[in-house]
Amino acid sequence: MNFKSKIILLLLVLSSSIASAQFVKKHGQLSVKGTQLVDKNQSPIVLRGVSFGWHSMWPRFYNEKTVDWLKKDFSCNIVRAALGIEIGQYAYIKEPEFSKEKIDAVIKGAIKSDIYVIVDWHSHNINLKEAKEYFDGISRKYGKYPNVIYEVFNEPDYETWPEVKAYAEEVIKVIRANDPDNIILVGCPRWDQDVNLPAADPIKGYDNLMYTMHFYAATHQKELRDRTDEAIKSGLPVFISESAGMEASGDGPMNYTAWQEYIDWMESKKLSWVVWSISDKTETCSMLKKSASSEGNWKDEDLNESGLKTKELLRKFNSKN
């Protein structure tokens, strides 16, 4: 390779690095156009990244350095901060100030690293009063940043869609009083499986809403993809805010074939997807081993099987951005 060719190659590498370093600057304010998530130029955008585990059980990873590492090493263009509401030593209901500090650290890290961040109310139950208070505060504080996405109910389990819808409408009203633009994600019954229910009776009167579907590829079969396809065809914007390649328990063997089928499907539909989770529990879905530093700089030997595969997938698909 001659000197001129080397210079051209170096410039290409540098321009690619700068582009990836300025992801939110490039894509800006997100919105929903039909069923598609689009950027400030009204071009379709696919967000791909990872979810932190419950902050109430793995708070050690909730810091700016970990966010920066996930952006640089995993090529994440989005992270998800899972605010554990009732479960864990540092649950929000028991330790609200500590909890806010941890979520704030991830939000600030995402803004600093110029990627998007989901603020996830990580509960399976309705806690309307607490949710309204929290999202009022977080939307006042960070609503001016296009980086922020609100997920108002992680996974309703046995609540009906009318109950979830009524709850979501109350929380959305609070957020929109402070932040008229940023994307809001709404869960649906049966651990975000029954997307057909909001498709038949969506929330009206607000823009830039999307509905979450969650899958664990070793458990959830093609039937869930078909149900989601039908919901999208009916006009429902869908965002995959939690997913992985093992069983829905978070444990059991990885099913790479089933996971790849989901990946291919999401990519063909331009659906954004987030993988669970940055935690060090001894289970398949926890991406990290106990040896992993609290602040990133992980070696491959610090990653479990799911962490290695997730990093491989994110590097592959986000390199196209």
C-alpha atoms as a PDB file:
ATOM      1  CA  MET A   1       0.000   0.000   0.000  1.00  0.00           C
ATOM      2  CA  ASN A   2       1.483   3.355  -1.032  1.00  0.00           C
ATOM      3  CA  PHE A   3       1.573   6.465   1.159  1.00  0.00           C
ATOM      4  CA  LYS A   4      -1.468   8.083  -0.478  1.00  0.00           C
ATOM      5  CA  SER A   5      -3.559   4.923   0.003  1.00  0.00           C
ATOM      6  CA  LYS A   6      -2.555   4.779   3.666  1.00  0.00           C
ATOM      7  CA  ILE A   7      -3.642   8.386   4.178  1.00  0.00           C
ATOM      8  CA  ILE A   8      -7.006   7.730   2.508  1.00  0.00           C
ATOM      9  CA  LEU A   9      -7.549   4.634   4.674  1.00  0.00           C
ATOM     10  CA  LEU A  10      -6.657   6.570   7.811  1.00  0.00           C
ATOM     11  CA  LEU A  11      -9.101   9.348   6.906  1.00  0.00           C
ATOM     12  CA  LEU A  12     -11.870   6.810   6.323  1.00  0.00           C
ATOM     13  CA  VAL A  13     -11.228   5.186   9.700  1.00  0.00           C
ATOM     14  CA  LEU A  14     -11.175   8.576  11.415  1.00  0.00           C
ATOM     15  CA  SER A  15     -14.390   9.749   9.739  1.00  0.00           C
ATOM     16  CA  SER A  16     -16.121   6.490  10.697  1.00  0.00           C
ATOM     17  CA  SER A  17     -14.917   6.886  14.281  1.00  0.00           C
ATOM     18  CA  ILE A  18     -16.116  10.507  14.445  1.00  0.00           C
ATOM     19  CA  ALA A  19     -19.525   9.555  13.012  1.00  0.00           C
ATOM     20  CA  SER A  20     -20.011   6.797  15.575  1.00  0.00           C
ATOM     21  CA  ALA A  21     -18.843   9.159  18.334  1.00  0.00           C
ATOM     22  CA  GLN A  22     -21.534  11.667  17.403  1.00  0.00           C
ATOM     23  CA  PHE A  23     -24.573   9.464  17.107  1.00  0.00           C
ATOM     24  CA  VAL A  24     -27.195  11.726  18.714  1.00  0.00           C
ATOM     25  CA  LYS A  25     -25.627  14.801  17.115  1.00  0.00           C
ATOM     26  CA  LYS A  26     -26.097  13.065  13.764  1.00  0.00           C
ATOM     27  CA  HIS A  27     -29.640  11.758  14.292  1.00  0.00           C
ATOM     28  CA  GLY A  28     -31.031  14.237  16.829  1.00  0.00           C
ATOM     29  CA  GLN A  29     -34.663  14.404  17.864  1.00  0.00           C
ATOM     30  CA  LEU A  30     -36.454  11.114  17.296  1.00  0.00           C
ATOM     31  CA  SER A  31     -40.104  10.821  16.343  1.00  0.00           C
ATOM     32  CA  VAL A  32     -42.594   8.265  15.078  1.00  0.00           C
ATOM     33  CA  LYS A  33     -43.675   8.380  11.439  1.00  0.00           C
ATOM     34  CA  GLY A  34     -46.465   5.878  10.862  1.00  0.00           C
ATOM     35  CA  THR A  35     -45.090   2.812  12.626  1.00  0.00           C
ATOM     36  CA  GLN A  36     -41.422   3.668  12.047  1.00  0.00           C
ATOM     37  CA  LEU A  37     -38.977   5.320  14.412  1.00  0.00           C
ATOM     38  CA  VAL A  38     -37.270   8.129  12.483  1.00  0.00           C
ATOM     39  CA  ASP A  39     -34.514  10.644  13.170  1.00  0.00           C
ATOM     40  CA  LYS A  40     -34.434  14.443  12.821  1.00  0.00           C
ATOM     41  CA  ASN A  41     -34.248  14.083   9.037  1.00  0.00           C
ATOM     42  CA  GLN A  42     -37.315  11.818   8.987  1.00  0.00           C
ATOM     43  CA  SER A  43     -35.081   8.903   7.974  1.00  0.00           C
ATOM     44  CA  PRO A  44     -35.750   5.466   9.492  1.00  0.00           C
ATOM     45  CA  ILE A  45     -33.437   4.688  12.395  1.00  0.00           C
ATOM     46  CA  VAL A  46     -32.760   1.429  14.240  1.00  0.00           C
ATOM     47  CA  LEU A  47     -31.433   1.663  17.798  1.00  0.00           C
ATOM     48  CA  ARG A  48     -29.498  -1.334  19.114  1.00  0.00           C
ATOM     49  CA  GLY A  49     -27.962  -1.723  22.547  1.00  0.00           C
ATOM     50  CA  VAL A  50     -28.148  -3.298  25.976  1.00  0.00           C
ATOM     51  CA  SER A  51     -30.177  -2.977  29.134  1.00  0.00           C
ATOM     52  CA  PHE A  52     -28.576  -2.681  32.530  1.00  0.00           C
ATOM     53  CA  GLY A  53     -29.933  -5.215  35.047  1.00  0.00           C
ATOM     54  CA  TRP A  54     -32.132  -3.979  37.886  1.00  0.00           C
ATOM     55  CA  HIS A  55     -30.395  -0.975  39.465  1.00  0.00           C
ATOM     56  CA  SER A  56     -31.648  -2.232  42.833  1.00  0.00           C
ATOM     57  CA  MET A  57     -29.553  -5.404  42.565  1.00  0.00           C
ATOM     58  CA  TRP A  58     -26.575  -4.396  40.371  1.00  0.00           C
ATOM     59  CA  PRO A  59     -26.012  -0.727  41.187  1.00  0.00           C
ATOM     60  CA  ARG A  60     -22.246  -1.067  40.781  1.00  0.00           C
ATOM     61  CA  PHE A  61     -22.538  -0.895  36.995  1.00  0.00           C
ATOM     62  CA  TYR A  62     -24.651   2.293  37.017  1.00  0.00           C
ATOM     63  CA  ASN A  63     -22.000   4.886  36.201  1.00  0.00           C
ATOM     64  CA  GLU A  64     -20.764   7.014  33.319  1.00  0.00           C
ATOM     65  CA  LYS A  65     -17.649   4.906  32.686  1.00  0.00           C
ATOM     66  CA  THR A  66     -19.685   1.750  32.078  1.00  0.00           C
ATOM     67  CA  VAL A  67     -21.915   3.627  29.622  1.00  0.00           C
ATOM     68  CA  ASP A  68     -18.828   4.925  27.821  1.00  0.00           C
ATOM     69  CA  TRP A  69     -17.383   1.403  27.601  1.00  0.00           C
ATOM     70  CA  LEU A  70     -20.638  -0.026  26.244  1.00  0.00           C
ATOM     71  CA  LYS A  71     -20.617   2.638  23.554  1.00  0.00           C
ATOM     72  CA  LYS A  72     -16.952   2.115  22.648  1.00  0.00           C
ATOM     73  CA  ASP A  73     -16.539  -1.667  23.034  1.00  0.00           C
ATOM     74  CA  PHE A  74     -20.055  -3.006  22.362  1.00  0.00           C
ATOM     75  CA  SER A  75     -20.868  -0.279  19.808  1.00  0.00           C
ATOM     76  CA  CYS A  76     -24.151   0.475  21.619  1.00  0.00           C
ATOM     77  CA  ASN A  77     -26.107   3.435  20.294  1.00  0.00           C
ATOM     78  CA  ILE A  78     -28.616   3.068  23.138  1.00  0.00           C
ATOM     79  CA  VAL A  79     -28.599   1.806  26.721  1.00  0.00           C
ATOM     80  CA  ARG A  80     -31.506   1.103  29.029  1.00  0.00           C
ATOM     81  CA  ALA A  81     -31.453   2.043  32.712  1.00  0.00           C
ATOM     82  CA  ALA A  82     -33.739  -0.342  34.626  1.00  0.00           C
ATOM     83  CA  LEU A  83     -35.096   1.436  37.716  1.00  0.00           C
ATOM     84  CA  GLY A  84     -36.099  -1.458  40.020  1.00  0.00           C
ATOM     85  CA  ILE A  85     -39.238  -0.332  41.798  1.00  0.00           C
ATOM     86  CA  GLU A  86     -40.072  -2.984  44.418  1.00  0.00           C
ATOM     87  CA  ILE A  87     -37.436  -5.720  44.207  1.00  0.00           C
ATOM     88  CA  GLY A  88     -33.882  -5.674  45.569  1.00  0.00           C
ATOM     89  CA  GLN A  89     -31.956  -4.120  48.431  1.00  0.00           C
ATOM     90  CA  TYR A  90     -31.987  -0.672  46.826  1.00  0.00           C
ATOM     91  CA  ALA A  91     -35.512  -0.723  45.375  1.00  0.00           C
ATOM     92  CA  TYR A  92     -36.876   2.712  44.453  1.00  0.00           C
ATOM     93  CA  ILE A  93     -39.749   2.412  46.932  1.00  0.00           C
ATOM     94  CA  LYS A  94     -37.246   1.860  49.771  1.00  0.00           C
ATOM     95  CA  GLU A  95     -34.305   3.997  48.592  1.00  0.00           C
ATOM     96  CA  PRO A  96     -35.642   6.702  46.250  1.00  0.00           C
ATOM     97  CA  GLU A  97     -32.709   9.127  46.444  1.00  0.00           C
ATOM     98  CA  PHE A  98     -30.061   6.431  45.919  1.00  0.00           C
ATOM     99  CA  SER A  99     -32.147   5.091  43.029  1.00  0.00           C
ATOM    100  CA  LYS A 100     -32.418   8.490  41.355  1.00  0.00           C
ATOM    101  CA  GLU A 101     -28.656   8.993  41.640  1.00  0.00           C
ATOM    102  CA  LYS A 102     -27.974   5.679  39.880  1.00  0.00           C
ATOM    103  CA  ILE A 103     -30.367   6.336  36.996  1.00  0.00           C
ATOM    104  CA  ASP A 104     -29.079   9.901  36.673  1.00  0.00           C
ATOM    105  CA  ALA A 105     -25.531   8.557  36.327  1.00  0.00           C
ATOM    106  CA  VAL A 106     -26.538   6.415  33.339  1.00  0.00           C
ATOM    107  CA  ILE A 107     -28.523   9.254  31.742  1.00  0.00           C
ATOM    108  CA  LYS A 108     -25.603  11.652  32.159  1.00  0.00           C
ATOM    109  CA  GLY A 109     -23.256   8.995  30.780  1.00  0.00           C
ATOM    110  CA  ALA A 110     -25.443   8.544  27.702  1.00  0.00           C
ATOM    111  CA  ILE A 111     -25.625  12.298  27.096  1.00  0.00           C
ATOM    112  CA  LYS A 112     -21.856  12.581  27.506  1.00  0.00           C
ATOM    113  CA  SER A 113     -21.254   9.598  25.196  1.00  0.00           C
ATOM    114  CA  ASP A 114     -23.810  10.983  22.719  1.00  0.00           C
ATOM    115  CA  ILE A 115     -26.056   7.922  22.593  1.00  0.00           C
ATOM    116  CA  TYR A 116     -29.732   7.396  23.433  1.00  0.00           C
ATOM    117  CA  VAL A 117     -30.977   6.150  26.799  1.00  0.00           C
ATOM    118  CA  ILE A 118     -34.209   4.509  27.927  1.00  0.00           C
ATOM    119  CA  VAL A 119     -35.397   5.439  31.415  1.00  0.00           C
ATOM    120  CA  ASP A 120     -37.225   2.233  32.319  1.00  0.00           C
ATOM    121  CA  TRP A 121     -39.776   2.023  35.168  1.00  0.00           C
ATOM    122  CA  HIS A 122     -38.855  -1.596  35.866  1.00  0.00           C
ATOM    123  CA  SER A 123     -41.889  -3.112  37.558  1.00  0.00           C
ATOM    124  CA  HIS A 124     -44.575  -5.704  36.910  1.00  0.00           C
ATOM    125  CA  ASN A 125     -47.188  -3.801  38.941  1.00  0.00           C
ATOM    126  CA  ILE A 126     -49.058  -0.506  38.788  1.00  0.00           C
ATOM    127  CA  ASN A 127     -47.590   2.155  41.085  1.00  0.00           C
ATOM    128  CA  LEU A 128     -49.316   5.195  39.646  1.00  0.00           C
ATOM    129  CA  LYS A 129     -48.543   7.799  42.321  1.00  0.00           C
ATOM    130  CA  GLU A 130     -44.851   6.931  42.467  1.00  0.00           C
ATOM    131  CA  ALA A 131     -44.531   6.715  38.678  1.00  0.00           C
ATOM    132  CA  LYS A 132     -46.131  10.129  38.137  1.00  0.00           C
ATOM    133  CA  GLU A 133     -43.823  11.735  40.699  1.00  0.00           C
ATOM    134  CA  TYR A 134     -40.711  10.110  39.235  1.00  0.00           C
ATOM    135  CA  PHE A 135     -41.444  10.845  35.579  1.00  0.00           C
ATOM    136  CA  ASP A 136     -42.410  14.410  36.427  1.00  0.00           C
ATOM    137  CA  GLY A 137     -38.983  14.927  37.949  1.00  0.00           C
ATOM    138  CA  ILE A 138     -37.007  13.109  35.262  1.00  0.00           C
ATOM    139  CA  SER A 139     -38.819  14.830  32.384  1.00  0.00           C
ATOM    140  CA  ARG A 140     -38.296  18.258  33.975  1.00  0.00           C
ATOM    141  CA  LYS A 141     -34.600  17.521  34.410  1.00  0.00           C
ATOM    142  CA  TYR A 142     -33.779  15.814  31.109  1.00  0.00           C
ATOM    143  CA  GLY A 143     -36.669  16.521  28.741  1.00  0.00           C
ATOM    144  CA  LYS A 144     -34.611  19.057  26.801  1.00  0.00           C
ATOM    145  CA  TYR A 145     -32.164  16.334  25.729  1.00  0.00           C
ATOM    146  CA  PRO A 146     -33.083  14.353  22.587  1.00  0.00           C
ATOM    147  CA  ASN A 147     -31.141  11.392  24.052  1.00  0.00           C
ATOM    148  CA  VAL A 148     -33.938  10.445  26.467  1.00  0.00           C
ATOM    149  CA  ILE A 149     -36.670   7.849  25.909  1.00  0.00           C
ATOM    150  CA  TYR A 150     -39.212   7.064  28.639  1.00  0.00           C
ATOM    151  CA  GLU A 151     -40.457   3.516  29.291  1.00  0.00           C
ATOM    152  CA  VAL A 152     -43.388   3.972  31.648  1.00  0.00           C
ATOM    153  CA  PHE A 153     -44.142   0.318  32.507  1.00  0.00           C
ATOM    154  CA  ASN A 154     -41.595  -2.429  31.942  1.00  0.00           C
ATOM    155  CA  GLU A 155     -43.722  -5.575  31.850  1.00  0.00           C
ATOM    156  CA  PRO A 156     -47.318  -5.654  33.018  1.00  0.00           C
ATOM    157  CA  ASP A 157     -48.050  -9.238  33.970  1.00  0.00           C
ATOM    158  CA  TYR A 158     -51.670  -9.877  34.978  1.00  0.00           C
ATOM    159  CA  GLU A 159     -53.064  -6.365  34.535  1.00  0.00           C
ATOM    160  CA  THR A 160     -55.646  -5.945  31.787  1.00  0.00           C
ATOM    161  CA  TRP A 161     -54.984  -3.639  28.835  1.00  0.00           C
ATOM    162  CA  PRO A 162     -57.659  -1.148  30.040  1.00  0.00           C
ATOM    163  CA  GLU A 163     -55.806  -0.960  33.377  1.00  0.00           C
ATOM    164  CA  VAL A 164     -52.411  -0.517  31.707  1.00  0.00           C
ATOM    165  CA  LYS A 165     -53.810   2.003  29.254  1.00  0.00           C
ATOM    166  CA  ALA A 166     -55.407   4.125  32.003  1.00  0.00           C
ATOM    167  CA  TYR A 167     -52.150   4.070  34.002  1.00  0.00           C
ATOM    168  CA  ALA A 168     -50.039   4.946  30.937  1.00  0.00           C
ATOM    169  CA  GLU A 169     -52.310   7.839  29.962  1.00  0.00           C
ATOM    170  CA  GLU A 170     -51.846   9.388  33.412  1.00  0.00           C
ATOM    171  CA  VAL A 171     -48.048   9.072  33.274  1.00  0.00           C
ATOM    172  CA  ILE A 172     -47.849  10.277  29.668  1.00  0.00           C
ATOM    173  CA  LYS A 173     -49.856  13.368  30.607  1.00  0.00           C
ATOM    174  CA  VAL A 174     -47.276  14.214  33.292  1.00  0.00           C
ATOM    175  CA  ILE A 175     -44.323  13.685  30.940  1.00  0.00           C
ATOM    176  CA  ARG A 176     -45.853  15.683  28.093  1.00  0.00           C
ATOM    177  CA  ALA A 177     -46.413  18.679  30.382  1.00  0.00           C
ATOM    178  CA  ASN A 178     -42.614  18.933  30.623  1.00  0.00           C
ATOM    179  CA  ASP A 179     -41.399  17.238  27.446  1.00  0.00           C
ATOM    180  CA  PRO A 180     -43.603  17.492  24.348  1.00  0.00           C
ATOM    181  CA  ASP A 181     -41.343  15.547  21.990  1.00  0.00           C
ATOM    182  CA  ASN A 182     -39.265  12.640  23.259  1.00  0.00           C
ATOM    183  CA  ILE A 183     -40.355   9.060  22.606  1.00  0.00           C
ATOM    184  CA  ILE A 184     -42.507   7.319  25.228  1.00  0.00           C
ATOM    185  CA  LEU A 185     -42.664   3.495  25.374  1.00  0.00           C
ATOM    186  CA  VAL A 186     -45.746   1.719  26.730  1.00  0.00           C
ATOM    187  CA  GLY A 187     -45.838  -1.918  27.875  1.00  0.00           C
ATOM    188  CA  CYS A 188     -48.658  -4.382  27.333  1.00  0.00           C
ATOM    189  CA  PRO A 189     -50.141  -7.349  29.234  1.00  0.00           C
ATOM    190  CA  ARG A 190     -48.481 -10.716  29.745  1.00  0.00           C
ATOM    191  CA  TRP A 191     -44.891  -9.479  29.977  1.00  0.00           C
ATOM    192  CA  ASP A 192     -45.171  -7.421  26.781  1.00  0.00           C
ATOM    193  CA  GLN A 193     -46.459 -10.336  24.731  1.00  0.00           C
ATOM    194  CA  ASP A 194     -50.035  -9.240  23.956  1.00  0.00           C
ATOM    195  CA  VAL A 195     -49.280  -6.430  21.502  1.00  0.00           C
ATOM    196  CA  ASN A 196     -52.561  -7.255  19.796  1.00  0.00           C
ATOM    197  CA  LEU A 197     -54.436  -5.584  22.668  1.00  0.00           C
ATOM    198  CA  PRO A 198     -53.044  -2.029  22.273  1.00  0.00           C
ATOM    199  CA  ALA A 199     -53.196  -2.550  18.504  1.00  0.00           C
ATOM    200  CA  ALA A 200     -56.982  -2.922  18.841  1.00  0.00           C
ATOM    201  CA  ASP A 201     -57.289  -0.047  21.334  1.00  0.00           C
ATOM    202  CA  PRO A 202     -54.290   2.327  21.163  1.00  0.00           C
ATOM    203  CA  ILE A 203     -53.723   5.400  23.295  1.00  0.00           C
ATOM    204  CA  LYS A 204     -54.932   8.507  21.449  1.00  0.00           C
ATOM    205  CA  GLY A 205     -54.214  12.206  21.711  1.00  0.00           C
ATOM    206  CA  TYR A 206     -50.419  11.994  21.945  1.00  0.00           C
ATOM    207  CA  ASP A 207     -47.612  11.820  19.396  1.00  0.00           C
ATOM    208  CA  ASN A 208     -44.384   9.829  19.496  1.00  0.00           C
ATOM    209  CA  LEU A 209     -45.692   6.837  21.423  1.00  0.00           C
ATOM    210  CA  MET A 210     -44.411   3.315  20.797  1.00  0.00           C
ATOM    211  CA  TYR A 211     -45.390  -0.008  22.340  1.00  0.00           C
ATOM    212  CA  THR A 212     -42.941  -2.550  23.679  1.00  0.00           C
ATOM    213  CA  MET A 213     -42.645  -6.223  22.818  1.00  0.00           C
ATOM    214  CA  HIS A 214     -40.216  -8.432  24.737  1.00  0.00           C
ATOM    215  CA  PHE A 215     -38.925 -11.826  23.650  1.00  0.00           C
ATOM    216  CA  TYR A 216     -36.601 -14.556  24.876  1.00  0.00           C
ATOM    217  CA  ALA A 217     -35.824 -16.585  21.801  1.00  0.00           C
ATOM    218  CA  ALA A 218     -35.537 -20.038  23.405  1.00  0.00           C
ATOM    219  CA  THR A 219     -39.103 -19.695  24.746  1.00  0.00           C
ATOM    220  CA  HIS A 220     -41.003 -17.407  22.379  1.00  0.00           C
ATOM    221  CA  GLN A 221     -41.657 -18.845  18.971  1.00  0.00           C
ATOM    222  CA  LYS A 222     -42.740 -17.536  15.580  1.00  0.00           C
ATOM    223  CA  GLU A 223     -46.263 -17.004  16.924  1.00  0.00           C
ATOM    224  CA  LEU A 224     -45.070 -13.902  18.800  1.00  0.00           C
ATOM    225  CA  ARG A 225     -43.440 -12.490  15.670  1.00  0.00           C
ATOM    226  CA  ASP A 226     -46.634 -13.127  13.721  1.00  0.00           C
ATOM    227  CA  ARG A 227     -48.717 -11.386  16.400  1.00  0.00           C
ATOM    228  CA  THR A 228     -46.329  -8.418  16.325  1.00  0.00           C
ATOM    229  CA  ASP A 229     -46.464  -8.301  12.518  1.00  0.00           C
ATOM    230  CA  GLU A 230     -50.241  -8.059  12.669  1.00  0.00           C
ATOM    231  CA  ALA A 231     -50.052  -5.286  15.272  1.00  0.00           C
ATOM    232  CA  ILE A 232     -47.644  -3.309  13.081  1.00  0.00           C
ATOM    233  CA  LYS A 233     -49.840  -3.837  10.024  1.00  0.00           C
ATOM    234  CA  SER A 234     -52.743  -2.356  11.977  1.00  0.00           C
ATOM    235  CA  GLY A 235     -50.641   0.775  12.660  1.00  0.00           C
ATOM    236  CA  LEU A 236     -48.965   0.058  16.022  1.00  0.00           C
ATOM    237  CA  PRO A 237     -45.378   1.361  16.359  1.00  0.00           C
ATOM    238  CA  VAL A 238     -43.309  -1.339  18.121  1.00  0.00           C
ATOM    239  CA  PHE A 239     -39.997  -1.127  19.995  1.00  0.00           C
ATOM    240  CA  ILE A 240     -38.188  -4.253  21.324  1.00  0.00           C
ATOM    241  CA  SER A 241     -36.921  -2.814  24.609  1.00  0.00           C
ATOM    242  CA  GLU A 242     -35.888  -6.179  26.098  1.00  0.00           C
ATOM    243  CA  SER A 243     -34.760  -9.374  24.393  1.00  0.00           C
ATOM    244  CA  ALA A 244     -32.230 -12.201  24.520  1.00  0.00           C
ATOM    245  CA  GLY A 245     -31.379 -15.640  23.208  1.00  0.00           C
ATOM    246  CA  MET A 246     -32.158 -17.866  26.194  1.00  0.00           C
ATOM    247  CA  GLU A 247     -35.375 -18.934  27.974  1.00  0.00           C
ATOM    248  CA  ALA A 248     -37.829 -16.418  29.407  1.00  0.00           C
ATOM    249  CA  SER A 249     -36.601 -17.335  32.903  1.00  0.00           C
ATOM    250  CA  GLY A 250     -33.322 -15.691  31.935  1.00  0.00           C
ATOM    251  CA  ASP A 251     -31.607 -19.024  32.312  1.00  0.00           C
ATOM    252  CA  GLY A 252     -31.208 -22.273  30.385  1.00  0.00           C
ATOM    253  CA  PRO A 253     -29.196 -22.824  27.215  1.00  0.00           C
ATOM    254  CA  MET A 254     -28.785 -20.257  24.469  1.00  0.00           C
ATOM    255  CA  ASN A 255     -30.771 -20.969  21.309  1.00  0.00           C
ATOM    256  CA  TYR A 256     -28.684 -19.254  18.659  1.00  0.00           C
ATOM    257  CA  THR A 257     -30.841 -20.404  15.761  1.00  0.00           C
ATOM    258  CA  ALA A 258     -34.038 -18.999  17.284  1.00  0.00           C
ATOM    259  CA  TRP A 259     -32.262 -15.788  18.286  1.00  0.00           C
ATOM    260  CA  GLN A 260     -30.905 -15.295  14.782  1.00  0.00           C
ATOM    261  CA  GLU A 261     -34.424 -15.716  13.388  1.00  0.00           C
ATOM    262  CA  TYR A 262     -35.541 -12.869  15.641  1.00  0.00           C
ATOM    263  CA  ILE A 263     -32.540 -10.727  14.674  1.00  0.00           C
ATOM    264  CA  ASP A 264     -33.235 -11.247  10.966  1.00  0.00           C
ATOM    265  CA  TRP A 265     -36.895 -10.412  11.511  1.00  0.00           C
ATOM    266  CA  MET A 266     -36.181  -7.222  13.492  1.00  0.00           C
ATOM    267  CA  GLU A 267     -33.643  -6.031  10.949  1.00  0.00           C
ATOM    268  CA  SER A 268     -36.033  -6.668   8.068  1.00  0.00           C
ATOM    269  CA  LYS A 269     -38.728  -4.618   9.865  1.00  0.00           C
ATOM    270  CA  LYS A 270     -36.314  -1.867  11.018  1.00  0.00           C
ATOM    271  CA  LEU A 271     -37.298  -2.533  14.636  1.00  0.00           C
ATOM    272  CA  SER A 272     -35.053  -1.223  17.399  1.00  0.00           C
ATOM    273  CA  TRP A 273     -33.818  -3.838  19.883  1.00  0.00           C
ATOM    274  CA  VAL A 274     -32.187  -3.929  23.307  1.00  0.00           C
ATOM    275  CA  VAL A 275     -30.593  -7.006  24.913  1.00  0.00           C
ATOM    276  CA  TRP A 276     -30.890  -7.990  28.583  1.00  0.00           C
ATOM    277  CA  SER A 277     -28.683  -7.534  30.716  1.00  0.00           C
ATOM    278  CA  ILE A 278     -25.589  -5.880  32.205  1.00  0.00           C
ATOM    279  CA  SER A 279     -25.384  -7.796  35.484  1.00  0.00           C
ATOM    280  CA  ASP A 280     -23.202 -10.476  37.084  1.00  0.00           C
ATOM    281  CA  LYS A 281     -25.734 -12.957  38.449  1.00  0.00           C
ATOM    282  CA  THR A 282     -24.933 -16.611  37.771  1.00  0.00           C
ATOM    283  CA  GLU A 283     -27.509 -17.080  35.016  1.00  0.00           C
ATOM    284  CA  THR A 284     -27.471 -17.192  31.237  1.00  0.00           C
ATOM    285  CA  CYS A 285     -28.875 -13.708  30.603  1.00  0.00           C
ATOM    286  CA  SER A 286     -26.330 -11.923  32.811  1.00  0.00           C
ATOM    287  CA  MET A 287     -23.622 -10.825  30.394  1.00  0.00           C
ATOM    288  CA  LEU A 288     -20.867 -10.398  32.978  1.00  0.00           C
ATOM    289  CA  LYS A 289     -18.879 -12.598  35.323  1.00  0.00           C
ATOM    290  CA  LYS A 290     -18.062 -11.587  38.900  1.00  0.00           C
ATOM    291  CA  SER A 291     -14.576 -10.655  37.677  1.00  0.00           C
ATOM    292  CA  ALA A 292     -15.979  -7.774  35.590  1.00  0.00           C
ATOM    293  CA  SER A 293     -14.994  -4.304  36.742  1.00  0.00           C
ATOM    294  CA  SER A 294     -17.751  -1.946  37.860  1.00  0.00           C
ATOM    295  CA  GLU A 295     -16.577   0.634  35.314  1.00  0.00           C
ATOM    296  CA  GLY A 296     -16.150  -1.238  32.033  1.00  0.00           C
ATOM    297  CA  ASN A 297     -12.753  -2.110  30.538  1.00  0.00           C
ATOM    298  CA  TRP A 298     -13.891  -5.724  30.375  1.00  0.00           C
ATOM    299  CA  LYS A 299     -11.829  -8.401  28.685  1.00  0.00           C
ATOM    300  CA  ASP A 300     -13.508 -11.246  26.827  1.00  0.00           C
ATOM    301  CA  GLU A 301     -12.837 -13.524  29.800  1.00  0.00           C
ATOM    302  CA  ASP A 302     -15.027 -11.186  31.911  1.00  0.00           C
ATOM    303  CA  LEU A 303     -18.002 -11.832  29.610  1.00  0.00           C
ATOM    304  CA  ASN A 304     -20.395 -14.759  29.712  1.00  0.00           C
ATOM    305  CA  GLU A 305     -21.665 -16.503  26.595  1.00  0.00           C
ATOM    306  CA  SER A 306     -24.576 -14.092  26.130  1.00  0.00           C
ATOM    307  CA  GLY A 307     -22.284 -11.089  26.610  1.00  0.00           C
ATOM    308  CA  LEU A 308     -19.839 -12.271  23.959  1.00  0.00           C
ATOM    309  CA  LYS A 309     -22.626 -12.932  21.458  1.00  0.00           C
ATOM    310  CA  THR A 310     -24.380  -9.637  22.201  1.00  0.00           C
ATOM    311  CA  LYS A 311     -21.155  -7.707  21.643  1.00  0.00           C
ATOM    312  CA  GLU A 312     -20.600  -9.539  18.360  1.00  0.00           C
ATOM    313  CA  LEU A 313     -24.123  -8.759  17.135  1.00  0.00           C
ATOM    314  CA  LEU A 314     -24.050  -5.098  18.137  1.00  0.00           C
ATOM    315  CA  ARG A 315     -20.656  -4.521  16.543  1.00  0.00           C
ATOM    316  CA  LYS A 316     -21.880  -6.146  13.341  1.00  0.00           C
ATOM    317  CA  PHE A 317     -25.151  -4.258  12.949  1.00  0.00           C
ATOM    318  CA  ASN A 318     -24.230  -0.900  14.462  1.00  0.00           C
ATOM    319  CA  SER A 319     -21.178  -0.601  12.243  1.00  0.00           C
ATOM    320  CA  LYS A 320     -23.640   0.218   9.458  1.00  0.00           C
ATOM    321  CA  ASN A 321     -24.873   3.403  11.150  1.00  0.00           C
END
